[in-house]
PDB file of N, CA and C in Angstrom:
ATOM      1  N   MET A   1     -16.015  32.163   1.719  1.00  0.00           N
ATOM      2  CA  MET A   1     -15.808  31.451   2.773  1.00  0.00           C
ATOM      3  C   MET A   1     -15.767  31.771   4.187  1.00  0.00           C
ATOM      4  N   VAL A   2     -15.533  32.878   4.555  1.00  0.00           N
ATOM      5  CA  VAL A   2     -15.976  33.368   5.902  1.00  0.00           C
ATOM      6  C   VAL A   2     -17.215  33.312   6.038  1.00  0.00           C
ATOM      7  N   GLN A   3     -17.929  33.994   5.321  1.00  0.00           N
ATOM      8  CA  GLN A   3     -19.518  33.623   5.529  1.00  0.00           C
ATOM      9  C   GLN A   3     -19.871  32.330   5.749  1.00  0.00           C
ATOM     10  N   ALA A   4     -19.470  31.639   5.031  1.00  0.00           N
ATOM     11  CA  ALA A   4     -19.515  29.920   5.363  1.00  0.00           C
ATOM     12  C   ALA A   4     -19.350  29.835   6.904  1.00  0.00           C
ATOM     13  N   MET A   5     -18.272  29.938   7.159  1.00  0.00           N
ATOM     14  CA  MET A   5     -17.581  29.510   8.317  1.00  0.00           C
ATOM     15  C   MET A   5     -18.237  30.163   9.384  1.00  0.00           C
ATOM     16  N   GLU A   6     -18.825  31.469   9.228  1.00  0.00           N
ATOM     17  CA  GLU A   6     -19.318  32.032  10.097  1.00  0.00           C
ATOM     18  C   GLU A   6     -20.961  31.724  10.558  1.00  0.00           C
ATOM     19  N   ALA A   7     -21.229  31.470   9.354  1.00  0.00           N
ATOM     20  CA  ALA A   7     -22.858  30.800   9.810  1.00  0.00           C
ATOM     21  C   ALA A   7     -22.644  29.475  10.310  1.00  0.00           C
ATOM     22  N   VAL A   8     -21.739  28.729   9.694  1.00  0.00           N
ATOM     23  CA  VAL A   8     -21.540  27.430  10.598  1.00  0.00           C
ATOM     24  C   VAL A   8     -21.402  27.746  11.927  1.00  0.00           C
ATOM     25  N   ALA A   9     -20.682  28.564  12.541  1.00  0.00           N
ATOM     26  CA  ALA A   9     -20.201  29.062  13.979  1.00  0.00           C
ATOM     27  C   ALA A   9     -21.590  29.446  14.231  1.00  0.00           C
ATOM     28  N   ASN A  10     -22.304  30.202  14.189  1.00  0.00           N
ATOM     29  CA  ASN A  10     -23.453  30.942  14.454  1.00  0.00           C
ATOM     30  C   ASN A  10     -24.504  30.241  14.544  1.00  0.00           C
ATOM     31  N   ASN A  11     -24.889  28.993  14.007  1.00  0.00           N
ATOM     32  CA  ASN A  11     -25.949  27.943  13.742  1.00  0.00           C
ATOM     33  C   ASN A  11     -25.754  26.834  13.869  1.00  0.00           C
ATOM     34  N   ALA A  12     -26.198  26.408  15.465  1.00  0.00           N
ATOM     35  CA  ALA A  12     -26.054  25.240  15.744  1.00  0.00           C
ATOM     36  C   ALA A  12     -26.619  23.960  14.943  1.00  0.00           C
ATOM     37  N   THR A  13     -27.602  24.269  13.994  1.00  0.00           N
ATOM     38  CA  THR A  13     -28.125  23.312  13.114  1.00  0.00           C
ATOM     39  C   THR A  13     -27.238  22.917  12.137  1.00  0.00           C
ATOM     40  N   LEU A  14     -26.783  24.404  11.512  1.00  0.00           N
ATOM     41  CA  LEU A  14     -25.836  23.581  10.462  1.00  0.00           C
ATOM     42  C   LEU A  14     -24.554  22.733  10.738  1.00  0.00           C
ATOM     43  N   ARG A  15     -24.201  23.470  12.728  1.00  0.00           N
ATOM     44  CA  ARG A  15     -23.223  22.943  12.515  1.00  0.00           C
ATOM     45  C   ARG A  15     -23.384  21.357  13.009  1.00  0.00           C
ATOM     46  N   THR A  16     -24.666  20.692  13.540  1.00  0.00           N
ATOM     47  CA  THR A  16     -24.999  19.493  13.880  1.00  0.00           C
ATOM     48  C   THR A  16     -25.056  18.819  12.582  1.00  0.00           C
ATOM     49  N   GLU A  17     -25.507  19.077  11.199  1.00  0.00           N
ATOM     50  CA  GLU A  17     -25.784  18.665  10.300  1.00  0.00           C
ATOM     51  C   GLU A  17     -24.181  18.588   9.410  1.00  0.00           C
ATOM     52  N   ALA A  18     -23.447  19.608   9.760  1.00  0.00           N
ATOM     53  CA  ALA A  18     -22.032  19.505   9.085  1.00  0.00           C
ATOM     54  C   ALA A  18     -21.331  18.365   9.940  1.00  0.00           C
ATOM     55  N   ILE A  19     -21.210  18.434  11.049  1.00  0.00           N
ATOM     56  CA  ILE A  19     -20.612  17.208  11.661  1.00  0.00           C
ATOM     57  C   ILE A  19     -21.508  15.684  11.569  1.00  0.00           C
ATOM     58  N   ALA A  20     -22.215  15.484  11.450  1.00  0.00           N
ATOM     59  CA  ALA A  20     -23.230  14.426  10.941  1.00  0.00           C
ATOM     60  C   ALA A  20     -22.710  13.920   9.799  1.00  0.00           C
ATOM     61  N   LYS A  21     -22.470  14.795   8.487  1.00  0.00           N
ATOM     62  CA  LYS A  21     -21.997  14.737   7.297  1.00  0.00           C
ATOM     63  C   LYS A  21     -21.044  14.073   7.450  1.00  0.00           C
ATOM     64  N   GLY A  22     -19.633  15.008   8.239  1.00  0.00           N
ATOM     65  CA  GLY A  22     -18.772  14.466   8.407  1.00  0.00           C
ATOM     66  C   GLY A  22     -18.337  13.014   9.069  1.00  0.00           C
ATOM     67  N   TYR A  23     -19.075  12.989   9.782  1.00  0.00           N
ATOM     68  CA  TYR A  23     -18.979  11.173  10.470  1.00  0.00           C
ATOM     69  C   TYR A  23     -19.199  10.294   9.273  1.00  0.00           C
ATOM     70  N   ILE A  24     -20.163  10.604   8.320  1.00  0.00           N
ATOM     71  CA  ILE A  24     -20.561   9.870   7.170  1.00  0.00           C
ATOM     72  C   ILE A  24     -19.691   9.813   6.285  1.00  0.00           C
ATOM     73  N   HIS A  25     -19.302  10.614   5.984  1.00  0.00           N
ATOM     74  CA  HIS A  25     -17.974  10.659   5.043  1.00  0.00           C
ATOM     75  C   HIS A  25     -16.348  10.137   5.676  1.00  0.00           C
ATOM     76  N   ALA A  26     -16.406  10.148   6.831  1.00  0.00           N
ATOM     77  CA  ALA A  26     -15.025   9.303   7.411  1.00  0.00           C
ATOM     78  C   ALA A  26     -15.365   8.303   7.341  1.00  0.00           C
ATOM     79  N   GLN A  27     -16.563   7.390   7.234  1.00  0.00           N
ATOM     80  CA  GLN A  27     -16.603   6.077   7.481  1.00  0.00           C
ATOM     81  C   GLN A  27     -16.059   5.403   6.313  1.00  0.00           C
ATOM     82  N   LYS A  28     -15.968   6.212   5.074  1.00  0.00           N
ATOM     83  CA  LYS A  28     -15.648   5.664   4.375  1.00  0.00           C
ATOM     84  C   LYS A  28     -13.730   5.641   4.096  1.00  0.00           C
ATOM     85  N   PHE A  29     -12.983   5.883   4.859  1.00  0.00           N
ATOM     86  CA  PHE A  29     -11.668   5.985   4.937  1.00  0.00           C
ATOM     87  C   PHE A  29     -11.401   4.707   5.934  1.00  0.00           C
ATOM     88  N   THR A  30     -11.654   3.846   5.767  1.00  0.00           N
ATOM     89  CA  THR A  30     -11.272   2.729   6.479  1.00  0.00           C
ATOM     90  C   THR A  30      -9.876   2.367   6.118  1.00  0.00           C
ATOM     91  N   PRO A  31      -9.302   1.457   7.097  1.00  0.00           N
ATOM     92  CA  PRO A  31      -7.907   1.322   6.830  1.00  0.00           C
ATOM     93  C   PRO A  31      -7.664   0.240   5.686  1.00  0.00           C
ATOM     94  N   HIS A  32      -8.671  -0.473   5.229  1.00  0.00           N
ATOM     95  CA  HIS A  32      -8.632  -1.891   4.248  1.00  0.00           C
ATOM     96  C   HIS A  32      -9.058  -0.987   2.886  1.00  0.00           C
ATOM     97  N   ALA A  33      -9.788   0.230   3.003  1.00  0.00           N
ATOM     98  CA  ALA A  33     -10.381   1.357   1.801  1.00  0.00           C
ATOM     99  C   ALA A  33      -9.023   1.842   1.473  1.00  0.00           C
ATOM    100  N   CYS A  34      -8.523   2.150   2.545  1.00  0.00           N
ATOM    101  CA  CYS A  34      -7.063   3.152   1.954  1.00  0.00           C
ATOM    102  C   CYS A  34      -6.486   2.533   1.669  1.00  0.00           C
ATOM    103  N   ALA A  35      -5.950   0.814   2.042  1.00  0.00           N
ATOM    104  CA  ALA A  35      -4.977   0.051   1.397  1.00  0.00           C
ATOM    105  C   ALA A  35      -5.037  -0.404   0.246  1.00  0.00           C
ATOM    106  N   ALA A  36      -6.409  -0.730  -0.056  1.00  0.00           N
ATOM    107  CA  ALA A  36      -6.429  -0.729  -1.566  1.00  0.00           C
ATOM    108  C   ALA A  36      -6.567   0.163  -2.668  1.00  0.00           C
ATOM    109  N   GLU A  37      -6.882   1.242  -2.237  1.00  0.00           N
ATOM    110  CA  GLU A  37      -6.472   2.309  -3.033  1.00  0.00           C
ATOM    111  C   GLU A  37      -4.733   2.514  -3.167  1.00  0.00           C
ATOM    112  N   VAL A  38      -4.469   2.758  -2.207  1.00  0.00           N
ATOM    113  CA  VAL A  38      -2.657   2.542  -2.496  1.00  0.00           C
ATOM    114  C   VAL A  38      -2.533   1.533  -3.678  1.00  0.00           C
ATOM    115  N   MET A  39      -2.802   0.116  -3.176  1.00  0.00           N
ATOM    116  CA  MET A  39      -2.748  -0.956  -3.986  1.00  0.00           C
ATOM    117  C   MET A  39      -2.939  -0.676  -5.471  1.00  0.00           C
ATOM    118  N   LYS A  40      -3.973   0.055  -5.284  1.00  0.00           N
ATOM    119  CA  LYS A  40      -4.319   0.297  -7.046  1.00  0.00           C
ATOM    120  C   LYS A  40      -3.389   1.284  -7.675  1.00  0.00           C
ATOM    121  N   VAL A  41      -3.104   2.130  -6.980  1.00  0.00           N
ATOM    122  CA  VAL A  41      -2.229   3.238  -7.686  1.00  0.00           C
ATOM    123  C   VAL A  41      -1.019   2.661  -7.775  1.00  0.00           C
ATOM    124  N   TYR A  42      -0.319   1.560  -6.776  1.00  0.00           N
ATOM    125  CA  TYR A  42       0.808   0.784  -6.858  1.00  0.00           C
ATOM    126  C   TYR A  42       0.677   0.271  -8.248  1.00  0.00           C
ATOM    127  N   GLN A  43      -0.223  -0.682  -8.485  1.00  0.00           N
ATOM    128  CA  GLN A  43      -0.545  -1.405 -10.158  1.00  0.00           C
ATOM    129  C   GLN A  43      -0.188  -0.630 -10.832  1.00  0.00           C
ATOM    130  N   GLN A  44      -1.055   0.851 -11.060  1.00  0.00           N
ATOM    131  CA  GLN A  44      -1.108   1.308 -12.183  1.00  0.00           C
ATOM    132  C   GLN A  44       0.664   1.784 -12.633  1.00  0.00           C
ATOM    133  N   THR A  45       1.080   2.144 -11.267  1.00  0.00           N
ATOM    134  CA  THR A  45       2.255   2.813 -11.508  1.00  0.00           C
ATOM    135  C   THR A  45       3.312   1.403 -12.296  1.00  0.00           C
ATOM    136  N   MET A  46       3.285   0.225 -11.667  1.00  0.00           N
ATOM    137  CA  MET A  46       4.257  -0.618 -12.195  1.00  0.00           C
ATOM    138  C   MET A  46       3.605  -1.130 -13.652  1.00  0.00           C
ATOM    139  N   SER A  47       2.335  -1.198 -13.787  1.00  0.00           N
ATOM    140  CA  SER A  47       2.089  -1.631 -15.575  1.00  0.00           C
ATOM    141  C   SER A  47       2.641  -0.415 -16.295  1.00  0.00           C
ATOM    142  N   THR A  48       3.019   0.433 -16.259  1.00  0.00           N
ATOM    143  CA  THR A  48       3.204   1.628 -17.158  1.00  0.00           C
ATOM    144  C   THR A  48       4.823   1.836 -17.348  1.00  0.00           C
TER     145      THR A  48
END
């Protein structure tokens, strides 16, 4: 893991790609999507 962190720290291309992928991944976590997941867990809990 240390080697991977060093690679990202020392390589601008890897760093830029990781940042871009992070932004794309973060878009999945909208307030609506999070609320829907919480509601799903709540409904599963209440049905058991």
